[in-house]
């Protein structure tokens, strides 16, 4: 039975995320399950902090915006003609937009609608926010060969279907 987090461990975390003022951003209702070892399952800095930890250990990790969802980028705020949008749009709605080269989908949120114009913001809602993670290591197991090949967790708690 493995109980230490090493590369290619499947780790189950109980966690909460707060902002620096202590407001809860994510109450961690569902434990987080990820494949440890640089597979981009979680923020790299959080993964580093968890390396070598054992089941039952608790830690608090504070991530600056650049280590979490990035700094706030003013250039991602666009003002568009309302004619480009359906009639039933509302502030707070999100939509996907594929970049010119078709490579990347950006999620934009509508932040304002006025005078025939729509203001959209491509920043992640948590961009520019430092995050404080309170984490408890709930479970650690060795990953299966298939999970390692695919680079993510399968089965309960895994989130990919092929």
Protein backbone atom coordinates (compact mmCIF):
# COMPACT_ATOMS: atom_id res chain seq x y z
CA UNK A 1 0.00 0.00 0.00
CA UNK A 2 1.54 3.22 -1.14
CA UNK A 3 1.09 6.25 1.07
CA UNK A 4 3.68 8.74 -0.12
CA UNK A 5 3.19 11.06 -3.10
CA UNK A 6 5.79 10.29 -5.77
CA UNK A 7 5.80 10.52 -9.57
CA UNK A 8 2.98 8.50 -11.14
CA UNK A 9 0.92 8.40 -7.96
CA UNK A 10 -2.81 8.95 -8.22
CA UNK A 11 -3.56 11.40 -5.43
CA UNK A 12 -6.92 12.26 -3.87
CA UNK A 13 -6.99 15.62 -2.10
CA UNK A 14 -9.57 17.11 0.19
CA UNK A 15 -9.23 20.85 -0.21
CA UNK A 16 -10.67 24.31 0.08
CA UNK A 17 -9.54 27.38 -1.81
CA UNK A 18 -9.80 30.89 -0.42
CA UNK A 19 -8.66 34.28 -1.57
CA UNK A 20 -6.13 36.17 0.60
CA UNK A 21 -9.00 37.88 2.47
CA UNK A 22 -10.36 34.48 3.46
CA UNK A 23 -13.41 34.39 1.17
CA UNK A 24 -14.11 30.82 0.01
CA UNK A 25 -13.61 30.41 -3.75
CA UNK A 26 -14.03 26.64 -3.89
CA UNK A 27 -15.41 24.65 -0.98
CA UNK A 28 -13.90 21.44 -2.38
CA UNK A 29 -17.20 19.60 -2.22
CA UNK A 30 -15.75 16.98 -4.56
CA UNK A 31 -12.24 15.78 -3.72
CA UNK A 32 -9.63 16.48 -6.35
CA UNK A 33 -8.06 13.41 -7.95
CA UNK A 34 -5.00 13.87 -10.12
CA UNK A 35 -1.99 12.05 -11.54
CA UNK A 36 1.18 13.32 -9.83
CA UNK A 37 4.37 13.95 -11.77
CA UNK A 38 4.12 16.87 -14.18
CA UNK A 39 0.99 15.89 -16.11
CA UNK A 40 -0.62 19.32 -15.68
CA UNK A 41 -3.37 17.86 -13.51
CA UNK A 42 -3.01 20.68 -10.97
CA UNK A 43 -1.03 23.90 -10.64
CA UNK A 44 2.70 23.03 -10.80
CA UNK A 45 3.53 24.90 -7.60
CA UNK A 46 0.85 23.04 -5.69
CA UNK A 47 2.13 19.76 -7.10
CA UNK A 48 5.67 20.62 -5.97
CA UNK A 49 4.44 21.35 -2.46
CA UNK A 50 2.65 17.99 -2.33
CA UNK A 51 5.61 15.93 -3.52
CA UNK A 52 6.74 13.46 -0.85
CA UNK A 53 3.76 14.16 1.41
CA UNK A 54 1.96 11.24 3.03
CA UNK A 55 -1.69 10.30 3.51
CA UNK A 56 -3.25 12.40 6.26
CA UNK A 57 -0.78 15.26 5.93
CA UNK A 58 -2.20 18.76 5.69
CA UNK A 59 -0.63 21.78 4.12
CA UNK A 60 -1.47 25.29 3.12
CA UNK A 61 -0.13 26.60 -0.16
CA UNK A 62 -0.50 30.17 -1.32
CA UNK A 63 -0.29 30.73 -5.06
CA UNK A 64 0.32 34.16 -6.54
CA UNK A 65 -1.83 34.99 -9.59
CA UNK A 66 0.97 34.12 -12.02
CA UNK A 67 1.17 30.62 -10.49
CA UNK A 68 -2.60 30.16 -10.62
CA UNK A 69 -4.93 31.62 -13.28
CA UNK A 70 -2.56 34.32 -14.48
CA UNK A 71 -2.38 38.06 -14.10
CA UNK A 72 -5.31 40.18 -15.18
CA UNK A 73 -4.83 41.25 -18.81
CA UNK A 74 -6.55 44.49 -19.86
CA UNK A 75 -6.07 43.53 -23.51
CA UNK A 76 -8.55 40.69 -23.12
CA UNK A 77 -11.40 43.15 -22.61
CA UNK A 78 -13.15 43.77 -25.92
CA UNK A 79 -16.05 45.98 -26.91
CA UNK A 80 -18.13 44.42 -29.65
CA UNK A 81 -21.18 45.44 -31.62
CA UNK A 82 -24.30 43.92 -30.07
CA UNK A 83 -25.42 42.85 -33.57
CA UNK A 84 -22.78 40.10 -33.40
CA UNK A 85 -24.61 38.47 -30.50
CA UNK A 86 -27.97 36.72 -30.13
CA UNK A 87 -30.81 38.84 -28.75
CA UNK A 88 -31.11 36.99 -25.48
CA UNK A 89 -27.63 37.68 -24.09
CA UNK A 90 -27.18 38.72 -20.47
CA UNK A 91 -24.34 39.97 -18.33
CA UNK A 92 -22.46 37.04 -16.85
CA UNK A 93 -22.97 34.72 -19.83
CA UNK A 94 -19.89 32.99 -21.19
CA UNK A 95 -19.14 31.90 -24.70
CA UNK A 96 -16.27 30.33 -26.53
CA UNK A 97 -14.43 32.02 -29.27
CA UNK A 98 -11.88 30.35 -31.50
CA UNK A 99 -8.79 32.40 -32.28
CA UNK A 100 -7.93 33.53 -35.81
CA UNK A 101 -5.66 30.55 -36.44
CA UNK A 102 -8.33 28.23 -35.06
CA UNK A 103 -5.85 26.97 -32.48
CA UNK A 104 -7.11 28.18 -29.18
CA UNK A 105 -10.56 28.51 -27.71
CA UNK A 106 -10.89 31.45 -25.38
CA UNK A 107 -13.77 31.71 -22.97
CA UNK A 108 -15.18 35.23 -22.84
CA UNK A 109 -17.61 36.49 -20.23
CA UNK A 110 -20.08 39.30 -20.93
CA UNK A 111 -19.47 42.03 -18.34
CA UNK A 112 -21.57 44.89 -19.70
CA UNK A 113 -24.22 45.63 -22.31
CA UNK A 114 -24.99 49.25 -23.18
CA UNK A 115 -25.91 51.42 -26.15
CA UNK A 116 -25.73 48.65 -28.69
CA UNK A 117 -22.30 47.55 -27.47
CA UNK A 118 -21.29 44.44 -25.55
CA UNK A 119 -18.24 44.36 -23.30
CA UNK A 120 -16.62 40.95 -23.05
CA UNK A 121 -13.75 39.85 -20.85
CA UNK A 122 -11.46 36.95 -21.78
CA UNK A 123 -9.76 36.82 -18.40
CA UNK A 124 -10.41 33.83 -16.18
CA UNK A 125 -12.75 34.94 -13.37
CA UNK A 126 -9.88 34.28 -10.95
CA UNK A 127 -7.20 36.04 -13.01
CA UNK A 128 -5.23 38.42 -10.82
CA UNK A 129 -6.34 36.63 -7.65
CA UNK A 130 -3.91 34.93 -5.28
CA UNK A 131 -5.27 31.58 -4.12
CA UNK A 132 -4.79 29.96 -0.72
CA UNK A 133 -5.19 26.19 -0.82
CA UNK A 134 -5.83 24.21 2.35
CA UNK A 135 -5.14 20.64 1.36
CA UNK A 136 -5.33 17.26 3.09
CA UNK A 137 -3.88 14.21 1.38
CA UNK A 138 -6.79 11.76 1.51
CA UNK A 139 -5.49 8.87 -0.58
CA UNK A 140 -2.47 7.86 -2.64
CA UNK A 141 -2.16 4.90 -4.99
CA UNK A 142 0.12 3.86 -7.80
CA UNK A 143 -1.19 4.80 -11.24
CA UNK A 144 -1.96 2.08 -13.76
CA UNK A 145 0.17 1.79 -16.88
CA UNK A 146 -2.78 3.05 -18.93
CA UNK A 147 -3.20 6.13 -16.74
CA UNK A 148 0.48 6.96 -17.12
CA UNK A 149 0.30 6.51 -20.90
CA UNK A 150 -2.73 8.79 -21.13
CA UNK A 151 -1.39 11.25 -18.58
CA UNK A 152 -4.54 11.37 -16.45
CA UNK A 153 -6.64 9.40 -13.99
CA UNK A 154 -9.23 6.85 -15.10
CA UNK A 155 -12.18 5.41 -13.23
CA UNK A 156 -13.79 6.92 -10.15
CA UNK A 157 -12.76 10.54 -9.80
CA UNK A 158 -11.14 10.54 -13.23
CA UNK A 159 -12.75 12.93 -15.65
CA UNK A 160 -11.90 11.70 -19.12
CA UNK A 161 -13.77 9.39 -21.42
CA UNK A 162 -12.10 8.26 -24.58
